[in-house]
Amino acid sequence: MFRLAKTTLILAGFFLAACASSAADDAAVAGETVVTEFNAPAAQSTGHYGYGKDASLAEVAGWDIDIRPDGLGLPPGSATPEDGEMMYEDKCALCHGSFGEGVGRYPVLAGGEGTLTEPRPEKTVGSFWPYASTLWDYIHRAMPFAEPESLSDEEVYAITAYVLYLNDLVDYDFELNQDTLAAIEMPNKDGFFFDDRPDTANELCMSNCKDPATITITSEPTLTDEPAAASTAVVEMSPGESTYQQACAMCHAAGVADAPILGEQAAWAERIALGRDVLISSSINGKGFMPPKGGQTQLSDDDVTAAVDFMIERAAN
């Protein structure tokens, strides 16, 4: 069994707020008006600390993108594992393997049935996850790794269907949609419980406490006679290193898909011999498994050039 700690329960509070918003949306479609503690009009305030304002319904809706285990929040759409097979191979297999076996240290997606009670359990989508909706939600929010939120809803349905197929949870021609996704029962759905135990086992310390009457909360800092903490020098990265961390490190730090690892002279020697202009062109336009600009297409050519120069410099030192 697996515990859901208090942090999870706190997040669940935000989740319930989103659910209430979703319920209000359903009622609105039916022509009804539902007022809850989450969408009721409220007087604007500056909050407990004197800053900010109450979030509007439109602002809350912008964050209300979660998918509930019962499927509430799923958008219209449908796809089969057959639809998702080539899409998965194109967008997911580089890190997760063609059969969900995982590449390097990237997560294994399939297999692991019956291993959760073993000394080294294999926690995959099929063996560990309690709800299929979580898979759709995570792919929608965070995948592919280099281009999160770039997939259409239909593509998310297709890739979700194929990953479920890799785990032998659906057939190859199974149609995944709003209704069928919510109806899928995962093998480990009963393997979690809410952990309501206290965070600590120690007794409260109630000695040397301040007088509550002397404690005030203000929106502005107050002067103090206490010496300021010594400042710590901040080392700023060069533009090239900053771009490398943003767009290149996820492959060049670990050697994914035979990408030369940063600083390994032998791996870089052959590429450097091709010439700086060739390396810059390949980085901007893409080559092999490397997408244009490392998948960060918002970067300028100058940004990418700076990153290439940074990697060449590290290979030479």
C-alpha atoms as a PDB file:
ATOM      1  CA  MET A   1       0.000   0.000   0.000  1.00  0.00           C
ATOM      2  CA  PHE A   2       1.213   3.530  -0.664  1.00  0.00           C
ATOM      3  CA  ARG A   3       0.629   6.609   1.453  1.00  0.00           C
ATOM      4  CA  LEU A   4      -0.745   9.953   0.341  1.00  0.00           C
ATOM      5  CA  ALA A   5       0.934  12.349   2.756  1.00  0.00           C
ATOM      6  CA  LYS A   6      -0.385  15.666   4.099  1.00  0.00           C
ATOM      7  CA  THR A   7       1.287  17.552   1.257  1.00  0.00           C
ATOM      8  CA  THR A   8      -0.916  15.577  -1.097  1.00  0.00           C
ATOM      9  CA  LEU A   9      -3.961  16.445   0.994  1.00  0.00           C
ATOM     10  CA  ILE A  10      -3.073  20.136   0.805  1.00  0.00           C
ATOM     11  CA  LEU A  11      -2.828  19.859  -2.974  1.00  0.00           C
ATOM     12  CA  ALA A  12      -6.150  18.054  -2.875  1.00  0.00           C
ATOM     13  CA  GLY A  13      -7.660  21.234  -1.451  1.00  0.00           C
ATOM     14  CA  PHE A  14      -6.701  23.080  -4.607  1.00  0.00           C
ATOM     15  CA  PHE A  15      -7.978  20.107  -6.588  1.00  0.00           C
ATOM     16  CA  LEU A  16     -11.385  20.361  -4.888  1.00  0.00           C
ATOM     17  CA  ALA A  17     -11.508  24.033  -5.781  1.00  0.00           C
ATOM     18  CA  ALA A  18     -10.921  23.099  -9.406  1.00  0.00           C
ATOM     19  CA  CYS A  19     -13.636  20.445  -9.178  1.00  0.00           C
ATOM     20  CA  ALA A  20     -16.134  23.001  -7.923  1.00  0.00           C
ATOM     21  CA  SER A  21     -15.215  25.217 -10.843  1.00  0.00           C
ATOM     22  CA  SER A  22     -15.732  22.294 -13.239  1.00  0.00           C
ATOM     23  CA  ALA A  23     -19.134  21.565 -11.658  1.00  0.00           C
ATOM     24  CA  ALA A  24     -20.123  25.181 -12.147  1.00  0.00           C
ATOM     25  CA  ASP A  25     -19.090  24.899 -15.796  1.00  0.00           C
ATOM     26  CA  ASP A  26     -21.317  21.809 -16.215  1.00  0.00           C
ATOM     27  CA  ALA A  27     -24.263  23.658 -14.690  1.00  0.00           C
ATOM     28  CA  ALA A  28     -23.642  26.647 -16.939  1.00  0.00           C
ATOM     29  CA  VAL A  29     -23.976  24.396 -19.983  1.00  0.00           C
ATOM     30  CA  ALA A  30     -27.368  23.282 -18.626  1.00  0.00           C
ATOM     31  CA  GLY A  31     -28.449  26.894 -18.193  1.00  0.00           C
ATOM     32  CA  GLU A  32     -28.187  26.842 -14.416  1.00  0.00           C
ATOM     33  CA  THR A  33     -26.221  29.070 -12.070  1.00  0.00           C
ATOM     34  CA  VAL A  34     -24.316  27.365  -9.298  1.00  0.00           C
ATOM     35  CA  VAL A  35     -22.752  29.475  -6.573  1.00  0.00           C
ATOM     36  CA  THR A  36     -20.063  27.839  -4.472  1.00  0.00           C
ATOM     37  CA  GLU A  37     -17.486  29.143  -2.040  1.00  0.00           C
ATOM     38  CA  PHE A  38     -15.042  29.034  -4.919  1.00  0.00           C
ATOM     39  CA  ASN A  39     -16.963  31.066  -7.505  1.00  0.00           C
ATOM     40  CA  ALA A  40     -19.184  33.290  -5.375  1.00  0.00           C
ATOM     41  CA  PRO A  41     -18.587  37.013  -5.974  1.00  0.00           C
ATOM     42  CA  ALA A  42     -16.395  38.420  -3.225  1.00  0.00           C
ATOM     43  CA  ALA A  43     -15.396  41.886  -2.185  1.00  0.00           C
ATOM     44  CA  GLN A  44     -11.946  42.724  -3.466  1.00  0.00           C
ATOM     45  CA  SER A  45      -9.362  42.739  -0.723  1.00  0.00           C
ATOM     46  CA  THR A  46      -5.631  43.037  -0.380  1.00  0.00           C
ATOM     47  CA  GLY A  47      -5.343  39.813   1.543  1.00  0.00           C
ATOM     48  CA  HIS A  48      -3.986  38.950   4.963  1.00  0.00           C
ATOM     49  CA  TYR A  49      -0.623  40.597   4.326  1.00  0.00           C
ATOM     50  CA  GLY A  50      -1.918  43.664   2.520  1.00  0.00           C
ATOM     51  CA  TYR A  51      -0.955  42.612  -0.992  1.00  0.00           C
ATOM     52  CA  GLY A  52      -2.702  41.214  -4.044  1.00  0.00           C
ATOM     53  CA  LYS A  53      -6.367  40.845  -4.918  1.00  0.00           C
ATOM     54  CA  ASP A  54      -8.990  38.131  -5.137  1.00  0.00           C
ATOM     55  CA  ALA A  55      -8.607  35.937  -8.221  1.00  0.00           C
ATOM     56  CA  SER A  56     -11.298  36.403 -10.861  1.00  0.00           C
ATOM     57  CA  LEU A  57     -13.193  33.437 -12.287  1.00  0.00           C
ATOM     58  CA  ALA A  58     -11.279  33.866 -15.549  1.00  0.00           C
ATOM     59  CA  GLU A  59      -7.969  33.722 -13.687  1.00  0.00           C
ATOM     60  CA  VAL A  60      -9.041  30.621 -11.786  1.00  0.00           C
ATOM     61  CA  ALA A  61     -10.199  28.988 -15.030  1.00  0.00           C
ATOM     62  CA  GLY A  62      -6.718  29.479 -16.475  1.00  0.00           C
ATOM     63  CA  TRP A  63      -5.346  27.165 -13.782  1.00  0.00           C
ATOM     64  CA  ASP A  64      -8.284  24.749 -13.816  1.00  0.00           C
ATOM     65  CA  ILE A  65      -6.795  22.226 -16.237  1.00  0.00           C
ATOM     66  CA  ASP A  66      -6.651  19.137 -14.016  1.00  0.00           C
ATOM     67  CA  ILE A  67      -8.335  15.876 -14.977  1.00  0.00           C
ATOM     68  CA  ARG A  68     -10.232  14.018 -12.241  1.00  0.00           C
ATOM     69  CA  PRO A  69     -10.076  10.221 -11.863  1.00  0.00           C
ATOM     70  CA  ASP A  70     -13.717  10.032 -12.985  1.00  0.00           C
ATOM     71  CA  GLY A  71     -12.825  11.850 -16.216  1.00  0.00           C
ATOM     72  CA  LEU A  72     -14.214  15.258 -15.290  1.00  0.00           C
ATOM     73  CA  GLY A  73     -12.183  17.846 -17.171  1.00  0.00           C
ATOM     74  CA  LEU A  74     -11.344  15.660 -20.172  1.00  0.00           C
ATOM     75  CA  PRO A  75     -11.882  17.497 -23.476  1.00  0.00           C
ATOM     76  CA  PRO A  76     -13.708  15.926 -26.428  1.00  0.00           C
ATOM     77  CA  GLY A  77     -11.605  13.612 -28.559  1.00  0.00           C
ATOM     78  CA  SER A  78     -10.858   9.993 -29.328  1.00  0.00           C
ATOM     79  CA  ALA A  79      -8.065   7.787 -30.644  1.00  0.00           C
ATOM     80  CA  THR A  80      -6.866   4.186 -30.691  1.00  0.00           C
ATOM     81  CA  PRO A  81      -3.465   2.678 -29.857  1.00  0.00           C
ATOM     82  CA  GLU A  82      -3.032   2.192 -33.595  1.00  0.00           C
ATOM     83  CA  ASP A  83      -3.392   5.968 -34.039  1.00  0.00           C
ATOM     84  CA  GLY A  84      -0.776   6.590 -31.370  1.00  0.00           C
ATOM     85  CA  GLU A  85       1.890   4.029 -32.310  1.00  0.00           C
ATOM     86  CA  MET A  86       3.895   6.100 -34.798  1.00  0.00           C
ATOM     87  CA  MET A  87       3.213   9.270 -32.821  1.00  0.00           C
ATOM     88  CA  TYR A  88       4.692   7.629 -29.715  1.00  0.00           C
ATOM     89  CA  GLU A  89       7.696   6.422 -31.731  1.00  0.00           C
ATOM     90  CA  ASP A  90       8.267   9.952 -33.032  1.00  0.00           C
ATOM     91  CA  LYS A  91       7.726  11.930 -29.833  1.00  0.00           C
ATOM     92  CA  CYS A  92       8.332   9.543 -26.904  1.00  0.00           C
ATOM     93  CA  ALA A  93      10.510   6.552 -27.809  1.00  0.00           C
ATOM     94  CA  LEU A  94      13.784   8.487 -27.767  1.00  0.00           C
ATOM     95  CA  CYS A  95      13.601   8.695 -23.967  1.00  0.00           C
ATOM     96  CA  HIS A  96      11.082   6.000 -23.014  1.00  0.00           C
ATOM     97  CA  GLY A  97      11.984   3.280 -25.537  1.00  0.00           C
ATOM     98  CA  SER A  98       9.906   1.782 -28.334  1.00  0.00           C
ATOM     99  CA  PHE A  99       8.254  -0.646 -25.914  1.00  0.00           C
ATOM    100  CA  GLY A 100       8.133   1.634 -22.871  1.00  0.00           C
ATOM    101  CA  GLU A 101      11.266  -0.003 -21.455  1.00  0.00           C
ATOM    102  CA  GLY A 102      12.985   3.335 -20.745  1.00  0.00           C
ATOM    103  CA  VAL A 103      16.297   4.619 -22.126  1.00  0.00           C
ATOM    104  CA  GLY A 104      19.132   5.347 -19.728  1.00  0.00           C
ATOM    105  CA  ARG A 105      17.710   6.924 -16.595  1.00  0.00           C
ATOM    106  CA  TYR A 106      14.422   7.992 -18.194  1.00  0.00           C
ATOM    107  CA  PRO A 107      11.257   6.436 -16.694  1.00  0.00           C
ATOM    108  CA  VAL A 108      10.101   2.951 -17.653  1.00  0.00           C
ATOM    109  CA  LEU A 109       6.470   3.169 -18.787  1.00  0.00           C
ATOM    110  CA  ALA A 110       5.449  -0.464 -19.255  1.00  0.00           C
ATOM    111  CA  GLY A 111       5.862  -3.783 -17.473  1.00  0.00           C
ATOM    112  CA  GLY A 112       6.514  -4.410 -13.797  1.00  0.00           C
ATOM    113  CA  GLU A 113       3.349  -6.408 -13.154  1.00  0.00           C
ATOM    114  CA  GLY A 114       3.453  -8.111  -9.760  1.00  0.00           C
ATOM    115  CA  THR A 115       6.725  -6.491  -8.651  1.00  0.00           C
ATOM    116  CA  LEU A 116       5.398  -3.978  -6.109  1.00  0.00           C
ATOM    117  CA  THR A 117       5.916  -6.370  -3.202  1.00  0.00           C
ATOM    118  CA  GLU A 118       9.438  -7.269  -4.286  1.00  0.00           C
ATOM    119  CA  PRO A 119      12.581  -5.663  -2.780  1.00  0.00           C
ATOM    120  CA  ARG A 120      13.093  -3.655  -5.987  1.00  0.00           C
ATOM    121  CA  PRO A 121       9.642  -2.950  -7.434  1.00  0.00           C
ATOM    122  CA  GLU A 122       9.303  -1.636 -10.969  1.00  0.00           C
ATOM    123  CA  LYS A 123       6.841   1.239 -10.794  1.00  0.00           C
ATOM    124  CA  THR A 124       5.349   1.806 -14.228  1.00  0.00           C
ATOM    125  CA  VAL A 125       2.102   3.211 -15.582  1.00  0.00           C
ATOM    126  CA  GLY A 126       0.586  -0.260 -15.627  1.00  0.00           C
ATOM    127  CA  SER A 127       1.969  -1.636 -12.372  1.00  0.00           C
ATOM    128  CA  PHE A 128       1.834   1.403 -10.077  1.00  0.00           C
ATOM    129  CA  TRP A 129      -0.413   4.244 -11.246  1.00  0.00           C
ATOM    130  CA  PRO A 130      -3.924   4.133  -9.706  1.00  0.00           C
ATOM    131  CA  TYR A 131      -5.796   6.119 -12.390  1.00  0.00           C
ATOM    132  CA  ALA A 132      -5.566   6.208 -16.188  1.00  0.00           C
ATOM    133  CA  SER A 133      -6.658   9.863 -16.159  1.00  0.00           C
ATOM    134  CA  THR A 134      -3.311  10.778 -14.586  1.00  0.00           C
ATOM    135  CA  LEU A 135      -1.531   9.574 -17.732  1.00  0.00           C
ATOM    136  CA  TRP A 136      -3.637  11.812 -19.995  1.00  0.00           C
ATOM    137  CA  ASP A 137      -3.193  14.744 -17.607  1.00  0.00           C
ATOM    138  CA  TYR A 138       0.590  14.386 -17.368  1.00  0.00           C
ATOM    139  CA  ILE A 139       1.148  13.984 -21.108  1.00  0.00           C
ATOM    140  CA  HIS A 140      -1.086  17.008 -21.734  1.00  0.00           C
ATOM    141  CA  ARG A 141       0.774  19.218 -19.261  1.00  0.00           C
ATOM    142  CA  ALA A 142       4.402  18.141 -19.528  1.00  0.00           C
ATOM    143  CA  MET A 143       5.204  16.083 -22.626  1.00  0.00           C
ATOM    144  CA  PRO A 144       7.144  15.859 -24.879  1.00  0.00           C
ATOM    145  CA  PHE A 145      10.034  16.772 -22.619  1.00  0.00           C
ATOM    146  CA  ALA A 146      11.436  19.483 -24.907  1.00  0.00           C
ATOM    147  CA  GLU A 147       8.041  20.815 -26.057  1.00  0.00           C
ATOM    148  CA  PRO A 148       5.463  20.603 -23.239  1.00  0.00           C
ATOM    149  CA  GLU A 149       1.847  21.484 -24.104  1.00  0.00           C
ATOM    150  CA  SER A 150       2.626  21.236 -27.833  1.00  0.00           C
ATOM    151  CA  LEU A 151       0.319  18.243 -28.418  1.00  0.00           C
ATOM    152  CA  SER A 152      -3.285  18.572 -29.539  1.00  0.00           C
ATOM    153  CA  ASP A 153      -6.003  16.875 -27.495  1.00  0.00           C
ATOM    154  CA  GLU A 154      -6.357  14.190 -30.181  1.00  0.00           C
ATOM    155  CA  GLU A 155      -2.606  13.502 -30.041  1.00  0.00           C
ATOM    156  CA  VAL A 156      -2.756  13.199 -26.251  1.00  0.00           C
ATOM    157  CA  TYR A 157      -5.586  10.667 -26.549  1.00  0.00           C
ATOM    158  CA  ALA A 158      -3.572   8.720 -29.146  1.00  0.00           C
ATOM    159  CA  ILE A 159      -0.340   8.548 -27.121  1.00  0.00           C
ATOM    160  CA  THR A 160      -2.245   7.768 -23.921  1.00  0.00           C
ATOM    161  CA  ALA A 161      -4.029   4.914 -25.690  1.00  0.00           C
ATOM    162  CA  TYR A 162      -0.749   3.489 -26.968  1.00  0.00           C
ATOM    163  CA  VAL A 163       0.945   3.593 -23.545  1.00  0.00           C
ATOM    164  CA  LEU A 164      -2.067   1.802 -22.054  1.00  0.00           C
ATOM    165  CA  TYR A 165      -1.758  -0.754 -24.863  1.00  0.00           C
ATOM    166  CA  LEU A 166       1.940  -1.284 -24.052  1.00  0.00           C
ATOM    167  CA  ASN A 167       0.786  -2.214 -20.546  1.00  0.00           C
ATOM    168  CA  ASP A 168      -1.785  -4.721 -21.876  1.00  0.00           C
ATOM    169  CA  LEU A 169      -4.613  -2.628 -20.421  1.00  0.00           C
ATOM    170  CA  VAL A 170      -6.463  -2.072 -23.722  1.00  0.00           C
ATOM    171  CA  ASP A 171      -6.612  -3.783 -27.122  1.00  0.00           C
ATOM    172  CA  TYR A 172      -4.934  -2.391 -30.238  1.00  0.00           C
ATOM    173  CA  ASP A 173      -8.259  -1.245 -31.716  1.00  0.00           C
ATOM    174  CA  PHE A 174      -9.670   0.116 -28.431  1.00  0.00           C
ATOM    175  CA  GLU A 175     -11.210   3.592 -28.830  1.00  0.00           C
ATOM    176  CA  LEU A 176     -10.096   5.893 -26.030  1.00  0.00           C
ATOM    177  CA  ASN A 177     -12.364   8.877 -25.367  1.00  0.00           C
ATOM    178  CA  GLN A 178     -13.879  10.855 -22.493  1.00  0.00           C
ATOM    179  CA  ASP A 179     -16.097   7.975 -21.410  1.00  0.00           C
ATOM    180  CA  THR A 180     -13.875   4.948 -21.990  1.00  0.00           C
ATOM    181  CA  LEU A 181     -10.804   6.512 -20.360  1.00  0.00           C
ATOM    182  CA  ALA A 182     -12.671   7.124 -17.113  1.00  0.00           C
ATOM    183  CA  ALA A 183     -13.961   3.534 -17.141  1.00  0.00           C
ATOM    184  CA  ILE A 184     -10.509   1.909 -17.259  1.00  0.00           C
ATOM    185  CA  GLU A 185      -9.584   0.246 -13.969  1.00  0.00           C
ATOM    186  CA  MET A 186      -5.859   0.230 -13.249  1.00  0.00           C
ATOM    187  CA  PRO A 187      -4.371  -2.844 -11.503  1.00  0.00           C
ATOM    188  CA  ASN A 188      -3.102  -0.796  -8.545  1.00  0.00           C
ATOM    189  CA  LYS A 189      -6.195   1.364  -8.039  1.00  0.00           C
ATOM    190  CA  ASP A 190      -6.630   0.031  -4.485  1.00  0.00           C
ATOM    191  CA  GLY A 191      -2.952   0.308  -3.629  1.00  0.00           C
ATOM    192  CA  PHE A 192      -3.074   3.838  -2.170  1.00  0.00           C
ATOM    193  CA  PHE A 193      -4.529   5.249   1.037  1.00  0.00           C
ATOM    194  CA  PHE A 194      -4.686   8.666   2.666  1.00  0.00           C
ATOM    195  CA  ASP A 195      -2.035   9.049   5.353  1.00  0.00           C
ATOM    196  CA  ASP A 196      -3.586  11.125   8.144  1.00  0.00           C
ATOM    197  CA  ARG A 197      -0.829  10.527  10.671  1.00  0.00           C
ATOM    198  CA  PRO A 198       0.774  13.647  12.225  1.00  0.00           C
ATOM    199  CA  ASP A 199       3.844  15.051  10.522  1.00  0.00           C
ATOM    200  CA  THR A 200       5.943  14.697  13.685  1.00  0.00           C
ATOM    201  CA  ALA A 201       5.864  12.635  16.863  1.00  0.00           C
ATOM    202  CA  ASN A 202       7.438  15.293  19.088  1.00  0.00           C
ATOM    203  CA  GLU A 203       5.586  17.350  21.686  1.00  0.00           C
ATOM    204  CA  LEU A 204       4.988  21.029  20.995  1.00  0.00           C
ATOM    205  CA  CYS A 205       7.647  23.321  22.420  1.00  0.00           C
ATOM    206  CA  MET A 206       5.869  26.102  24.322  1.00  0.00           C
ATOM    207  CA  SER A 207       8.808  27.641  26.211  1.00  0.00           C
ATOM    208  CA  ASN A 208      10.500  31.012  25.610  1.00  0.00           C
ATOM    209  CA  CYS A 209       7.597  32.083  23.384  1.00  0.00           C
ATOM    210  CA  LYS A 210       7.000  35.683  22.351  1.00  0.00           C
ATOM    211  CA  ASP A 211       4.075  37.540  23.831  1.00  0.00           C
ATOM    212  CA  PRO A 212       1.349  37.403  21.148  1.00  0.00           C
ATOM    213  CA  ALA A 213       0.520  41.035  21.900  1.00  0.00           C
ATOM    214  CA  THR A 214       3.950  42.049  20.587  1.00  0.00           C
ATOM    215  CA  ILE A 215       3.594  40.188  17.291  1.00  0.00           C
ATOM    216  CA  THR A 216       2.237  42.186  14.354  1.00  0.00           C
ATOM    217  CA  ILE A 217       1.802  41.322  10.695  1.00  0.00           C
ATOM    218  CA  THR A 218       2.334  44.162   8.238  1.00  0.00           C
ATOM    219  CA  SER A 219       2.658  44.503   4.496  1.00  0.00           C
ATOM    220  CA  GLU A 220       5.909  46.433   4.817  1.00  0.00           C
ATOM    221  CA  PRO A 221       9.142  45.287   6.485  1.00  0.00           C
ATOM    222  CA  THR A 222      10.100  46.923   9.760  1.00  0.00           C
ATOM    223  CA  LEU A 223      13.555  48.126  10.700  1.00  0.00           C
ATOM    224  CA  THR A 224      15.567  45.959  13.012  1.00  0.00           C
ATOM    225  CA  ASP A 225      18.752  46.341  14.973  1.00  0.00           C
ATOM    226  CA  GLU A 226      19.834  42.820  14.101  1.00  0.00           C
ATOM    227  CA  PRO A 227      22.826  42.703  11.751  1.00  0.00           C
ATOM    228  CA  ALA A 228      22.063  41.746   8.181  1.00  0.00           C
ATOM    229  CA  ALA A 229      23.227  38.356   7.015  1.00  0.00           C
ATOM    230  CA  ALA A 230      26.418  38.360   5.010  1.00  0.00           C
ATOM    231  CA  SER A 231      25.672  38.586   1.319  1.00  0.00           C
ATOM    232  CA  THR A 232      26.596  35.681  -0.895  1.00  0.00           C
ATOM    233  CA  ALA A 233      28.167  36.425  -4.233  1.00  0.00           C
ATOM    234  CA  VAL A 234      26.053  35.231  -7.153  1.00  0.00           C
ATOM    235  CA  VAL A 235      27.912  33.728 -10.080  1.00  0.00           C
ATOM    236  CA  GLU A 236      26.101  34.598 -13.279  1.00  0.00           C
ATOM    237  CA  MET A 237      26.174  32.210 -16.231  1.00  0.00           C
ATOM    238  CA  SER A 238      27.318  33.389 -19.628  1.00  0.00           C
ATOM    239  CA  PRO A 239      24.615  33.704 -22.313  1.00  0.00           C
ATOM    240  CA  GLY A 240      25.962  30.567 -23.984  1.00  0.00           C
ATOM    241  CA  GLU A 241      25.858  28.494 -20.807  1.00  0.00           C
ATOM    242  CA  SER A 242      22.372  29.776 -20.005  1.00  0.00           C
ATOM    243  CA  THR A 243      21.085  28.677 -23.422  1.00  0.00           C
ATOM    244  CA  TYR A 244      22.884  25.331 -23.041  1.00  0.00           C
ATOM    245  CA  GLN A 245      21.098  24.685 -19.742  1.00  0.00           C
ATOM    246  CA  GLN A 246      17.757  25.628 -21.298  1.00  0.00           C
ATOM    247  CA  ALA A 247      17.908  23.795 -24.618  1.00  0.00           C
ATOM    248  CA  CYS A 248      20.879  21.417 -24.770  1.00  0.00           C
ATOM    249  CA  ALA A 249      21.652  19.936 -21.347  1.00  0.00           C
ATOM    250  CA  MET A 250      18.850  17.371 -21.300  1.00  0.00           C
ATOM    251  CA  CYS A 251      20.674  15.418 -24.045  1.00  0.00           C
ATOM    252  CA  HIS A 252      24.287  16.618 -23.895  1.00  0.00           C
ATOM    253  CA  ALA A 253      24.600  16.198 -20.131  1.00  0.00           C
ATOM    254  CA  ALA A 254      23.781  12.475 -20.277  1.00  0.00           C
ATOM    255  CA  GLY A 255      24.609  11.501 -23.856  1.00  0.00           C
ATOM    256  CA  VAL A 256      21.026  10.774 -24.918  1.00  0.00           C
ATOM    257  CA  ALA A 257      20.809   9.354 -28.476  1.00  0.00           C
ATOM    258  CA  ASP A 258      24.622   9.454 -28.785  1.00  0.00           C
ATOM    259  CA  ALA A 259      24.754  13.210 -28.205  1.00  0.00           C
ATOM    260  CA  PRO A 260      28.360  14.133 -27.278  1.00  0.00           C
ATOM    261  CA  ILE A 261      28.561  14.810 -23.552  1.00  0.00           C
ATOM    262  CA  LEU A 262      29.614  18.315 -22.552  1.00  0.00           C
ATOM    263  CA  GLY A 263      33.359  18.492 -21.866  1.00  0.00           C
ATOM    264  CA  GLU A 264      34.289  15.068 -23.284  1.00  0.00           C
ATOM    265  CA  GLN A 265      37.080  15.953 -25.693  1.00  0.00           C
ATOM    266  CA  ALA A 266      37.170  12.626 -27.536  1.00  0.00           C
ATOM    267  CA  ALA A 267      33.450  12.725 -28.263  1.00  0.00           C
ATOM    268  CA  TRP A 268      33.647  16.283 -29.578  1.00  0.00           C
ATOM    269  CA  ALA A 269      36.882  16.055 -31.588  1.00  0.00           C
ATOM    270  CA  GLU A 270      35.266  14.602 -34.722  1.00  0.00           C
ATOM    271  CA  ARG A 271      32.458  17.146 -34.673  1.00  0.00           C
ATOM    272  CA  ILE A 272      34.725  20.116 -34.038  1.00  0.00           C
ATOM    273  CA  ALA A 273      36.802  18.997 -37.030  1.00  0.00           C
ATOM    274  CA  LEU A 274      33.748  19.634 -39.238  1.00  0.00           C
ATOM    275  CA  GLY A 275      34.036  23.325 -38.454  1.00  0.00           C
ATOM    276  CA  ARG A 276      32.202  25.804 -36.265  1.00  0.00           C
ATOM    277  CA  ASP A 277      29.813  26.889 -39.036  1.00  0.00           C
ATOM    278  CA  VAL A 278      28.655  23.301 -39.614  1.00  0.00           C
ATOM    279  CA  LEU A 279      27.954  22.797 -35.912  1.00  0.00           C
ATOM    280  CA  ILE A 280      26.023  26.057 -35.703  1.00  0.00           C
ATOM    281  CA  SER A 281      23.956  25.187 -38.790  1.00  0.00           C
ATOM    282  CA  SER A 282      23.108  21.713 -37.436  1.00  0.00           C
ATOM    283  CA  SER A 283      22.112  23.181 -34.079  1.00  0.00           C
ATOM    284  CA  ILE A 284      19.855  25.820 -35.623  1.00  0.00           C
ATOM    285  CA  ASN A 285      18.231  23.609 -38.268  1.00  0.00           C
ATOM    286  CA  GLY A 286      18.320  20.256 -36.480  1.00  0.00           C
ATOM    287  CA  LYS A 287      20.049  17.022 -37.413  1.00  0.00           C
ATOM    288  CA  GLY A 288      19.196  13.382 -36.728  1.00  0.00           C
ATOM    289  CA  PHE A 289      17.496  13.076 -33.342  1.00  0.00           C
ATOM    290  CA  MET A 290      18.347  16.691 -32.469  1.00  0.00           C
ATOM    291  CA  PRO A 291      15.366  19.000 -33.140  1.00  0.00           C
ATOM    292  CA  PRO A 292      15.961  22.537 -34.422  1.00  0.00           C
ATOM    293  CA  LYS A 293      17.357  24.684 -31.622  1.00  0.00           C
ATOM    294  CA  GLY A 294      17.057  21.760 -29.234  1.00  0.00           C
ATOM    295  CA  GLY A 295      13.283  22.049 -29.381  1.00  0.00           C
ATOM    296  CA  GLN A 296      13.383  25.616 -28.026  1.00  0.00           C
ATOM    297  CA  THR A 297      12.315  27.313 -31.244  1.00  0.00           C
ATOM    298  CA  GLN A 298      11.792  30.641 -29.501  1.00  0.00           C
ATOM    299  CA  LEU A 299      15.576  31.030 -29.228  1.00  0.00           C
ATOM    300  CA  SER A 300      17.313  33.348 -31.663  1.00  0.00           C
ATOM    301  CA  ASP A 301      20.117  32.165 -33.934  1.00  0.00           C
ATOM    302  CA  ASP A 302      22.512  34.233 -31.824  1.00  0.00           C
ATOM    303  CA  ASP A 303      21.378  32.382 -28.686  1.00  0.00           C
ATOM    304  CA  VAL A 304      22.076  29.016 -30.320  1.00  0.00           C
ATOM    305  CA  THR A 305      25.431  30.215 -31.656  1.00  0.00           C
ATOM    306  CA  ALA A 306      26.447  31.258 -28.141  1.00  0.00           C
ATOM    307  CA  ALA A 307      25.501  27.809 -26.822  1.00  0.00           C
ATOM    308  CA  VAL A 308      27.559  26.082 -29.542  1.00  0.00           C
ATOM    309  CA  ASP A 309      30.566  28.265 -28.725  1.00  0.00           C
ATOM    310  CA  PHE A 310      30.150  27.402 -25.040  1.00  0.00           C
ATOM    311  CA  MET A 311      30.150  23.656 -25.765  1.00  0.00           C
ATOM    312  CA  ILE A 312      33.151  23.941 -28.107  1.00  0.00           C
ATOM    313  CA  GLU A 313      35.035  25.895 -25.451  1.00  0.00           C
ATOM    314  CA  ARG A 314      34.264  23.286 -22.788  1.00  0.00           C
ATOM    315  CA  ALA A 315      35.445  20.515 -25.105  1.00  0.00           C
ATOM    316  CA  ALA A 316      38.747  22.296 -25.635  1.00  0.00           C
ATOM    317  CA  ASN A 317      39.501  22.812 -21.919  1.00  0.00           C
END
